[in-house]
Amino acid sequence: MFSDLLNEAYGAMRHNRRRTALTMLGMAWGIATVVMLLSYGSGFGQACANIFANFGTKLMILAPGRSSMQAGGQKAGEQIRFTLDDVDTLTTNIPQIVQLTPEVDKQANIQYETRSFSFNVTGNYPNVFSIRALKLALGRFYNGEDEIQHARVAVIGSEAKEKLFSGRSALGERIRIDGLSVEVVGVLSPKMQAGDDNVNRIVYIPFTTMSGVKDTHYLDSIWFNYETPAYEDLEHTVRSVMAVEHKFNPSDRRAMYVFNLMEQVHQFEMITLGLKILLGFIGTLTLGIGGVGLMNIMLVSVTQRTREIGVEKALGARRSHILVQFLAESLTITFIGGVLGVILAYGVALSVGRLTLYSAMAKNAEGGDIRLVIAPGTLIVATLILAAVGLVSGMVPAVRASRLDPIEALRYE
């Protein structure tokens, strides 16, 4: 009976408390190491996902270049220029595109009262808010009506607000962009900013309003997001469509630069997967050391209980009975050690909190740091590894015990 097996296992462990406790400690430390290493790998993957989510994941940016390959009658070295016709062409011919915006930007002089700074000003459609994964801290973002009416409104980044207004409220105030007076209607939340990236100093204005600052006939870039998972096929389609319009070779990557964020995401996913496998392997080796300790202790137990095994066999116990008896004892030690190890791992994860990663290189990047969050999947993988180690470690002594000759076992001293 199962209850009898548990009682026998409990009696054997109680008889050798110190030895059992040390063995459980080894198993607990091993499983805690596995859980923490796997949670570190998951935390690293989540940190990378947060970093890319800060900019938008399924995002593609097109920038014009200069042809380097001859195509048809066009010679190499031709300057490629984007216009609003290209926006219509992409929207019409590529149904996978969800939202698309042209962009014209300029490094402009921004003035408020006596303060003056040089910030990047960009003109876009209102949907740039979701395309670039922007978030508002105060006010609102400009809308379609502002775009139609050429409204002189602006939404400024968090650092631009601090430099221009310090601790004062920016909403409703008017700033001058190269002499063009606009009203601040919104302030953006801080975004992750690495190195010399001035993403939090950008001033956003409607695309139609941008014509008062710079000629918007030719576009600096085109931004869009999409739904299809086949991002490589989509990039090929985009190149083919634009190549027809501008008469360049679709394989000429210098004619049109395409920044596809999903390529970077995929590369980091592969790195994260490799890291998880490596950390899982290291954790399994650590747990294996505990398993070797369990095997040695159980082999000692078999030696010490040889006469007991002989008596059981003499009374009619089968090999399977002896095998299950010792296997149940080793699995009980493994299970209790595993529970203690998981509790230890949770304690360490809660006490450690956040491990610095991206915030050491970027501002407002706490979301890109590693958090040891023990996910259900991590526990499942750790449990499977623990069960395998416990089964292998317990099977060798159990098989040895079950194969003892009853007569020789009774003679053992």
Protein backbone atom coordinates (compact mmCIF):
# COMPACT_ATOMS: atom_id res chain seq x y z
CA MET A 1 0.00 0.00 0.00
CA PHE A 2 1.09 3.56 -0.67
CA SER A 3 0.63 4.56 2.96
CA ASP A 4 2.82 1.65 4.05
CA LEU A 5 5.57 2.78 1.68
CA LEU A 6 5.42 6.29 3.11
CA ASN A 7 5.54 4.97 6.67
CA GLU A 8 8.57 2.82 5.87
CA ALA A 9 10.29 5.74 4.14
CA TYR A 10 9.53 8.03 7.08
CA GLY A 11 10.84 5.45 9.56
CA ALA A 12 14.08 5.00 7.63
CA MET A 13 14.64 8.75 7.35
CA ARG A 14 13.84 9.29 11.03
CA HIS A 15 16.33 6.61 12.01
CA ASN A 16 19.12 8.56 10.21
CA ARG A 17 18.01 12.16 10.75
CA ARG A 18 21.33 13.90 10.26
CA ARG A 19 22.18 11.98 7.13
CA THR A 20 18.70 12.56 5.71
CA ALA A 21 18.80 16.27 6.54
CA LEU A 22 22.15 16.74 4.80
CA THR A 23 20.90 14.87 1.74
CA MET A 24 17.73 16.99 1.62
CA LEU A 25 19.86 20.12 1.94
CA GLY A 26 21.90 19.06 -1.10
CA MET A 27 18.74 18.44 -3.13
CA ALA A 28 17.18 21.71 -1.93
CA TRP A 29 20.26 23.69 -2.92
CA GLY A 30 20.34 21.98 -6.31
CA ILE A 31 16.69 22.65 -7.16
CA ALA A 32 16.94 26.23 -5.84
CA THR A 33 19.89 26.76 -8.19
CA VAL A 34 17.91 25.38 -11.14
CA VAL A 35 14.88 27.56 -10.38
CA MET A 36 16.92 30.73 -9.88
CA LEU A 37 19.01 30.22 -13.02
CA LEU A 38 15.93 29.51 -15.13
CA SER A 39 14.15 32.52 -13.64
CA TYR A 40 17.22 34.64 -14.44
CA GLY A 41 17.03 33.47 -18.06
CA SER A 42 13.31 34.28 -18.18
CA GLY A 43 13.98 37.65 -16.56
CA PHE A 44 16.64 38.42 -19.17
CA GLY A 45 14.20 37.55 -21.95
CA GLN A 46 11.47 39.72 -20.42
CA ALA A 47 13.93 42.60 -20.02
CA CYS A 48 14.82 42.39 -23.72
CA ALA A 49 11.13 42.27 -24.62
CA ASN A 50 10.50 45.40 -22.52
CA ILE A 51 13.36 47.22 -24.22
CA PHE A 52 11.98 46.50 -27.69
CA ALA A 53 8.39 47.20 -26.59
CA ASN A 54 9.61 50.69 -25.64
CA PHE A 55 10.09 51.42 -29.35
CA GLY A 56 7.37 49.16 -30.77
CA THR A 57 8.00 45.60 -31.92
CA LYS A 58 6.26 45.01 -35.24
CA LEU A 59 7.68 48.21 -36.64
CA MET A 60 9.38 48.98 -39.94
CA ILE A 61 11.12 52.22 -40.92
CA LEU A 62 11.93 53.15 -44.54
CA ALA A 63 14.57 55.76 -45.32
CA PRO A 64 15.61 56.88 -48.83
CA GLY A 65 19.17 56.35 -50.00
CA ARG A 66 21.09 56.34 -53.25
CA SER A 67 21.06 53.50 -55.77
CA SER A 68 24.26 51.48 -56.09
CA MET A 69 23.08 49.06 -58.79
CA GLN A 70 21.84 49.80 -62.30
CA ALA A 71 18.19 48.93 -62.84
CA GLY A 72 16.64 49.07 -66.33
CA GLY A 73 17.48 52.43 -67.82
CA GLN A 74 18.39 53.97 -64.48
CA LYS A 75 22.08 54.29 -63.76
CA ALA A 76 23.62 53.70 -60.35
CA GLY A 77 24.04 56.67 -58.02
CA GLU A 78 20.52 58.08 -58.41
CA GLN A 79 19.11 59.80 -55.33
CA ILE A 80 15.87 58.21 -54.09
CA ARG A 81 13.26 60.60 -52.71
CA PHE A 82 10.04 59.70 -50.91
CA THR A 83 6.80 61.67 -51.30
CA LEU A 84 3.23 61.30 -50.07
CA ASP A 85 2.56 59.29 -53.23
CA ASP A 86 4.73 56.54 -51.74
CA VAL A 87 2.55 56.58 -48.62
CA ASP A 88 -0.52 55.97 -50.79
CA THR A 89 1.31 53.29 -52.79
CA LEU A 90 2.30 51.33 -49.70
CA THR A 91 -1.15 51.64 -48.14
CA THR A 92 -2.84 50.46 -51.35
CA ASN A 93 -0.53 47.57 -52.27
CA ILE A 94 0.41 46.09 -48.89
CA PRO A 95 -2.63 45.04 -46.84
CA GLN A 96 -0.46 43.78 -43.95
CA ILE A 97 0.27 47.38 -42.97
CA VAL A 98 -1.90 48.46 -40.05
CA GLN A 99 -0.84 52.08 -39.51
CA LEU A 100 1.51 54.23 -41.55
CA THR A 101 2.87 57.73 -41.20
CA PRO A 102 5.24 59.89 -43.20
CA GLU A 103 7.92 61.74 -41.25
CA VAL A 104 9.75 64.97 -41.85
CA ASP A 105 12.13 66.14 -39.14
CA LYS A 106 14.46 69.03 -38.49
CA GLN A 107 16.89 70.15 -35.83
CA ALA A 108 15.17 73.39 -34.91
CA ASN A 109 15.60 76.22 -32.44
CA ILE A 110 12.94 75.94 -29.71
CA GLN A 111 12.23 79.05 -27.64
CA TYR A 112 10.15 79.69 -24.56
CA GLU A 113 10.42 83.15 -23.07
CA THR A 114 14.17 83.68 -22.57
CA ARG A 115 15.11 80.02 -22.88
CA SER A 116 16.33 78.61 -26.17
CA PHE A 117 17.41 75.09 -27.09
CA SER A 118 18.10 73.06 -30.22
CA PHE A 119 15.71 70.09 -30.32
CA ASN A 120 14.61 67.67 -33.02
CA VAL A 121 11.15 68.55 -34.38
CA THR A 122 9.23 65.89 -36.27
CA GLY A 123 6.04 66.13 -38.28
CA ASN A 124 3.86 63.01 -38.42
CA TYR A 125 0.30 61.82 -38.70
CA PRO A 126 -1.52 61.41 -35.34
CA ASN A 127 -1.12 57.61 -35.53
CA VAL A 128 2.60 58.03 -34.79
CA PHE A 129 1.49 57.89 -31.15
CA SER A 130 0.73 54.15 -31.42
CA ILE A 131 3.33 53.37 -34.09
CA ARG A 132 6.15 54.65 -31.87
CA ALA A 133 4.54 53.28 -28.69
CA LEU A 134 4.41 56.74 -27.09
CA LYS A 135 2.76 57.39 -23.72
CA LEU A 136 1.30 60.60 -22.40
CA ALA A 137 2.19 62.02 -19.02
CA LEU A 138 0.02 65.14 -19.32
CA GLY A 139 -2.52 66.57 -21.76
CA ARG A 140 -3.36 65.00 -25.09
CA PHE A 141 -1.80 64.08 -28.39
CA TYR A 142 -2.77 65.94 -31.54
CA ASN A 143 -5.60 64.31 -33.51
CA GLY A 144 -7.00 64.10 -37.02
CA GLU A 145 -8.81 67.40 -36.71
CA ASP A 146 -5.55 69.13 -35.79
CA GLU A 147 -3.97 67.54 -38.84
CA ILE A 148 -6.72 68.74 -41.19
CA GLN A 149 -6.76 72.28 -39.76
CA HIS A 150 -2.96 72.69 -39.77
CA ALA A 151 -3.30 73.37 -36.06
CA ARG A 152 -0.30 74.97 -34.44
CA VAL A 153 -0.04 72.51 -31.58
CA ALA A 154 2.85 70.46 -30.24
CA VAL A 155 3.51 67.50 -27.94
CA ILE A 156 6.91 67.61 -26.28
CA GLY A 157 9.17 64.98 -24.72
CA SER A 158 9.81 64.81 -20.99
CA GLU A 159 13.35 66.23 -21.16
CA ALA A 160 12.27 69.00 -23.52
CA LYS A 161 9.62 69.96 -20.98
CA GLU A 162 12.12 70.05 -18.11
CA LYS A 163 14.61 72.18 -20.03
CA LEU A 164 12.03 74.62 -21.33
CA PHE A 165 9.68 74.87 -18.35
CA SER A 166 11.59 73.35 -15.39
CA GLY A 167 8.96 72.70 -12.73
CA ARG A 168 6.24 74.83 -14.33
CA SER A 169 3.25 73.43 -16.16
CA ALA A 170 3.76 73.30 -19.92
CA LEU A 171 0.15 72.73 -20.99
CA GLY A 172 -1.38 75.71 -22.73
CA GLU A 173 1.94 77.53 -23.02
CA ARG A 174 3.24 78.67 -26.39
CA ILE A 175 6.70 77.88 -27.71
CA ARG A 176 8.39 79.02 -30.92
CA ILE A 177 9.85 76.52 -33.39
CA ASP A 178 12.21 78.44 -35.67
CA GLY A 179 9.90 81.40 -35.13
CA LEU A 180 6.63 79.44 -35.61
CA SER A 181 4.43 79.86 -32.51
CA VAL A 182 2.70 76.65 -31.36
CA GLU A 183 0.74 75.66 -28.27
CA VAL A 184 1.89 72.78 -26.07
CA VAL A 185 -1.08 70.42 -25.70
CA GLY A 186 0.71 67.36 -24.29
CA VAL A 187 3.80 66.10 -22.52
CA LEU A 188 5.11 62.58 -23.14
CA SER A 189 6.17 60.10 -20.49
CA PRO A 190 9.92 59.38 -20.33
CA LYS A 191 11.14 56.66 -22.69
CA MET A 192 14.26 54.54 -22.39
CA GLN A 193 17.13 56.65 -23.63
CA ALA A 194 20.61 55.23 -24.28
CA GLY A 195 23.77 57.22 -24.89
CA ASP A 196 23.30 60.28 -27.10
CA ASP A 197 19.79 59.29 -28.09
CA ASN A 198 17.56 62.36 -27.66
CA VAL A 199 14.25 60.51 -27.81
CA ASN A 200 12.91 62.45 -24.80
CA ARG A 201 13.75 65.82 -26.36
CA ILE A 202 11.69 65.35 -29.53
CA VAL A 203 8.92 67.82 -30.29
CA TYR A 204 5.99 66.29 -32.21
CA ILE A 205 3.75 68.44 -34.40
CA PRO A 206 1.13 67.56 -37.06
CA PHE A 207 2.54 66.73 -40.48
CA THR A 208 0.61 69.57 -42.13
CA THR A 209 1.90 72.04 -39.53
CA MET A 210 5.47 70.92 -40.22
CA SER A 211 5.29 72.73 -43.58
CA GLY A 212 5.66 75.97 -41.63
CA VAL A 213 9.05 74.79 -40.38
CA LYS A 214 10.40 72.80 -43.34
CA ASP A 215 9.38 71.82 -46.86
CA THR A 216 7.39 68.58 -46.51
CA HIS A 217 7.27 67.64 -50.21
CA TYR A 218 10.09 65.15 -49.76
CA LEU A 219 9.90 62.82 -46.76
CA ASP A 220 12.78 61.91 -44.49
CA SER A 221 11.31 58.50 -43.65
CA ILE A 222 8.16 56.41 -43.56
CA TRP A 223 7.11 54.51 -40.42
CA PHE A 224 4.54 51.75 -40.22
CA ASN A 225 3.52 48.80 -38.09
CA TYR A 226 2.05 45.52 -39.29
CA GLU A 227 0.35 42.33 -38.15
CA THR A 228 1.88 39.50 -40.18
CA PRO A 229 4.51 37.31 -38.45
CA ALA A 230 6.32 36.88 -41.80
CA TYR A 231 8.34 40.06 -41.40
CA GLU A 232 11.05 38.98 -43.85
CA ASP A 233 8.51 38.36 -46.61
CA LEU A 234 6.90 41.71 -45.82
CA GLU A 235 10.24 43.51 -46.15
CA HIS A 236 10.82 41.81 -49.51
CA THR A 237 7.36 42.92 -50.67
CA VAL A 238 7.97 46.50 -49.53
CA ARG A 239 11.29 46.61 -51.39
CA SER A 240 9.67 45.24 -54.54
CA VAL A 241 6.81 47.75 -54.46
CA MET A 242 9.11 50.72 -53.82
CA ALA A 243 11.60 49.49 -56.44
CA VAL A 244 8.91 49.62 -59.11
CA GLU A 245 7.92 53.16 -58.12
CA HIS A 246 11.48 54.51 -57.96
CA LYS A 247 13.08 52.30 -60.62
CA PHE A 248 15.84 50.73 -58.56
CA ASN A 249 16.88 47.10 -58.15
CA PRO A 250 14.90 45.42 -55.29
CA SER A 251 18.09 43.77 -54.05
CA ASP A 252 19.87 47.15 -53.83
CA ARG A 253 19.88 47.77 -50.08
CA ARG A 254 21.58 51.15 -50.43
CA ALA A 255 18.77 52.55 -52.53
CA MET A 256 16.33 52.23 -49.63
CA TYR A 257 17.28 51.50 -46.04
CA VAL A 258 14.85 49.32 -44.14
CA PHE A 259 15.06 49.09 -40.38
CA ASN A 260 13.01 46.07 -39.34
CA LEU A 261 12.83 45.87 -35.56
CA MET A 262 11.58 42.28 -35.60
CA GLU A 263 14.96 41.17 -36.94
CA GLN A 264 16.57 42.48 -33.76
CA VAL A 265 13.81 40.94 -31.66
CA HIS A 266 14.34 37.55 -33.31
CA GLN A 267 18.10 37.71 -32.74
CA PHE A 268 17.63 38.47 -29.05
CA GLU A 269 15.06 35.70 -28.77
CA MET A 270 17.68 33.25 -30.05
CA ILE A 271 20.23 34.65 -27.58
CA THR A 272 17.71 34.34 -24.75
CA LEU A 273 16.87 30.74 -25.71
CA GLY A 274 20.56 29.83 -25.78
CA LEU A 275 21.06 31.50 -22.40
CA LYS A 276 18.13 29.59 -20.90
CA ILE A 277 19.48 26.27 -22.19
CA LEU A 278 22.96 27.07 -20.85
CA LEU A 279 21.65 28.14 -17.43
CA GLY A 280 19.36 25.11 -17.29
CA PHE A 281 22.29 22.83 -18.09
CA ILE A 282 24.43 24.44 -15.36
CA GLY A 283 21.57 24.14 -12.88
CA THR A 284 21.04 20.50 -13.82
CA LEU A 285 24.73 19.76 -13.19
CA THR A 286 24.44 21.41 -9.76
CA LEU A 287 21.36 19.38 -8.99
CA GLY A 288 23.16 16.30 -10.29
CA ILE A 289 25.78 16.76 -7.55
CA GLY A 290 22.95 16.57 -5.04
CA GLY A 291 21.68 13.50 -6.85
CA VAL A 292 25.09 11.82 -6.52
CA GLY A 293 24.97 12.54 -2.80
CA LEU A 294 21.51 10.99 -2.61
CA MET A 295 22.72 7.92 -4.48
CA ASN A 296 25.68 7.46 -2.16
CA ILE A 297 23.51 7.80 0.95
CA MET A 298 20.99 5.29 -0.39
CA LEU A 299 23.78 2.84 -1.25
CA VAL A 300 25.03 3.15 2.34
CA SER A 301 21.47 2.57 3.50
CA VAL A 302 21.24 -0.58 1.39
CA THR A 303 24.48 -1.87 2.90
CA GLN A 304 23.33 -1.15 6.47
CA ARG A 305 19.93 -2.77 5.91
CA THR A 306 21.17 -5.86 4.08
CA ARG A 307 19.95 -8.24 6.82
CA GLU A 308 16.58 -6.45 6.87
CA ILE A 309 16.28 -7.01 3.12
CA GLY A 310 17.16 -10.66 3.59
CA VAL A 311 14.43 -11.05 6.22
CA GLU A 312 11.87 -9.37 3.96
CA LYS A 313 12.77 -11.66 1.07
CA ALA A 314 12.67 -14.71 3.34
CA LEU A 315 9.15 -13.72 4.36
CA GLY A 316 8.04 -13.59 0.72
CA ALA A 317 8.88 -10.08 -0.47
CA ARG A 318 9.49 -9.87 -4.21
CA ARG A 319 12.16 -7.93 -6.01
CA SER A 320 9.60 -5.32 -7.06
CA HIS A 321 8.58 -4.80 -3.42
CA ILE A 322 12.17 -4.11 -2.35
CA LEU A 323 12.81 -1.91 -5.36
CA VAL A 324 9.69 0.21 -4.75
CA GLN A 325 10.49 0.44 -1.04
CA PHE A 326 13.93 2.00 -1.56
CA LEU A 327 12.82 4.03 -4.56
CA ALA A 328 9.98 5.51 -2.50
CA GLU A 329 12.46 6.53 0.19
CA SER A 330 14.75 8.29 -2.27
CA LEU A 331 11.85 10.01 -4.02
CA THR A 332 10.47 11.18 -0.67
CA ILE A 333 13.83 12.77 0.16
CA THR A 334 13.89 14.30 -3.32
CA PHE A 335 10.35 15.67 -3.00
CA ILE A 336 10.89 17.26 0.40
CA GLY A 337 14.24 18.66 -0.71
CA GLY A 338 12.57 20.03 -3.84
CA VAL A 339 9.85 21.81 -1.85
CA LEU A 340 12.45 23.36 0.45
CA GLY A 341 14.52 24.39 -2.60
CA VAL A 342 11.56 26.11 -4.27
CA ILE A 343 10.81 27.99 -1.04
CA LEU A 344 14.47 29.04 -0.89
CA ALA A 345 14.36 30.19 -4.52
CA TYR A 346 11.24 32.30 -3.88
CA GLY A 347 12.93 33.83 -0.84
CA VAL A 348 16.03 34.75 -2.83
CA ALA A 349 13.96 36.13 -5.74
CA LEU A 350 11.90 38.34 -3.43
CA SER A 351 14.94 39.60 -1.53
CA VAL A 352 17.03 40.33 -4.64
CA GLY A 353 14.29 42.24 -6.47
CA ARG A 354 15.65 44.00 -9.56
CA LEU A 355 19.08 43.25 -11.06
CA THR A 356 20.65 46.13 -12.99
CA LEU A 357 20.98 45.52 -16.72
CA TYR A 358 19.83 48.17 -19.20
CA SER A 359 19.44 50.93 -16.61
CA ALA A 360 23.24 50.92 -16.25
CA MET A 361 23.48 52.09 -19.87
CA ALA A 362 20.30 54.09 -20.38
CA LYS A 363 18.03 56.55 -18.63
CA ASN A 364 14.47 55.67 -17.57
CA ALA A 365 15.33 52.05 -18.31
CA GLU A 366 14.23 50.28 -15.13
CA GLY A 367 11.87 48.19 -17.28
CA GLY A 368 14.93 46.80 -19.07
CA ASP A 369 16.42 45.40 -15.86
CA ILE A 370 16.21 41.75 -14.84
CA ARG A 371 13.65 40.62 -12.31
CA LEU A 372 13.80 37.09 -10.89
CA VAL A 373 10.17 36.24 -11.49
CA ILE A 374 9.53 32.53 -11.02
CA ALA A 375 6.98 31.69 -13.70
CA PRO A 376 4.82 28.51 -13.66
CA GLY A 377 6.75 27.24 -16.69
CA THR A 378 10.00 27.57 -14.74
CA LEU A 379 8.58 25.47 -11.91
CA ILE A 380 7.36 22.83 -14.34
CA VAL A 381 10.77 22.52 -16.02
CA ALA A 382 12.55 22.48 -12.65
CA THR A 383 10.16 19.80 -11.35
CA LEU A 384 10.78 17.60 -14.38
CA ILE A 385 14.55 17.95 -13.93
CA LEU A 386 14.22 17.19 -10.22
CA ALA A 387 12.07 14.12 -10.89
CA ALA A 388 14.57 12.80 -13.46
CA VAL A 389 17.55 13.32 -11.13
CA GLY A 390 15.69 11.82 -8.17
CA LEU A 391 14.55 8.81 -10.18
CA VAL A 392 18.01 8.07 -11.57
CA SER A 393 19.69 8.61 -8.20
CA GLY A 394 17.22 6.37 -6.40
CA MET A 395 16.97 3.66 -9.02
CA VAL A 396 20.58 2.46 -8.77
CA PRO A 397 20.44 1.69 -5.01
CA ALA A 398 16.91 0.30 -5.32
CA VAL A 399 17.93 -2.11 -8.09
CA ARG A 400 20.96 -3.18 -6.07
CA ALA A 401 18.77 -3.85 -3.02
CA SER A 402 16.20 -5.80 -5.04
CA ARG A 403 18.90 -8.09 -6.50
CA LEU A 404 20.42 -9.14 -3.18
CA ASP A 405 20.41 -12.89 -2.61
CA PRO A 406 18.24 -13.57 0.49
CA ILE A 407 20.58 -16.23 1.89
CA GLU A 408 23.67 -14.05 1.49
CA ALA A 409 21.73 -11.10 2.90
CA LEU A 410 20.79 -13.05 6.04
CA ARG A 411 24.44 -14.03 6.56
CA TYR A 412 25.62 -10.40 6.24
CA GLU A 413 27.00 -8.80 9.39
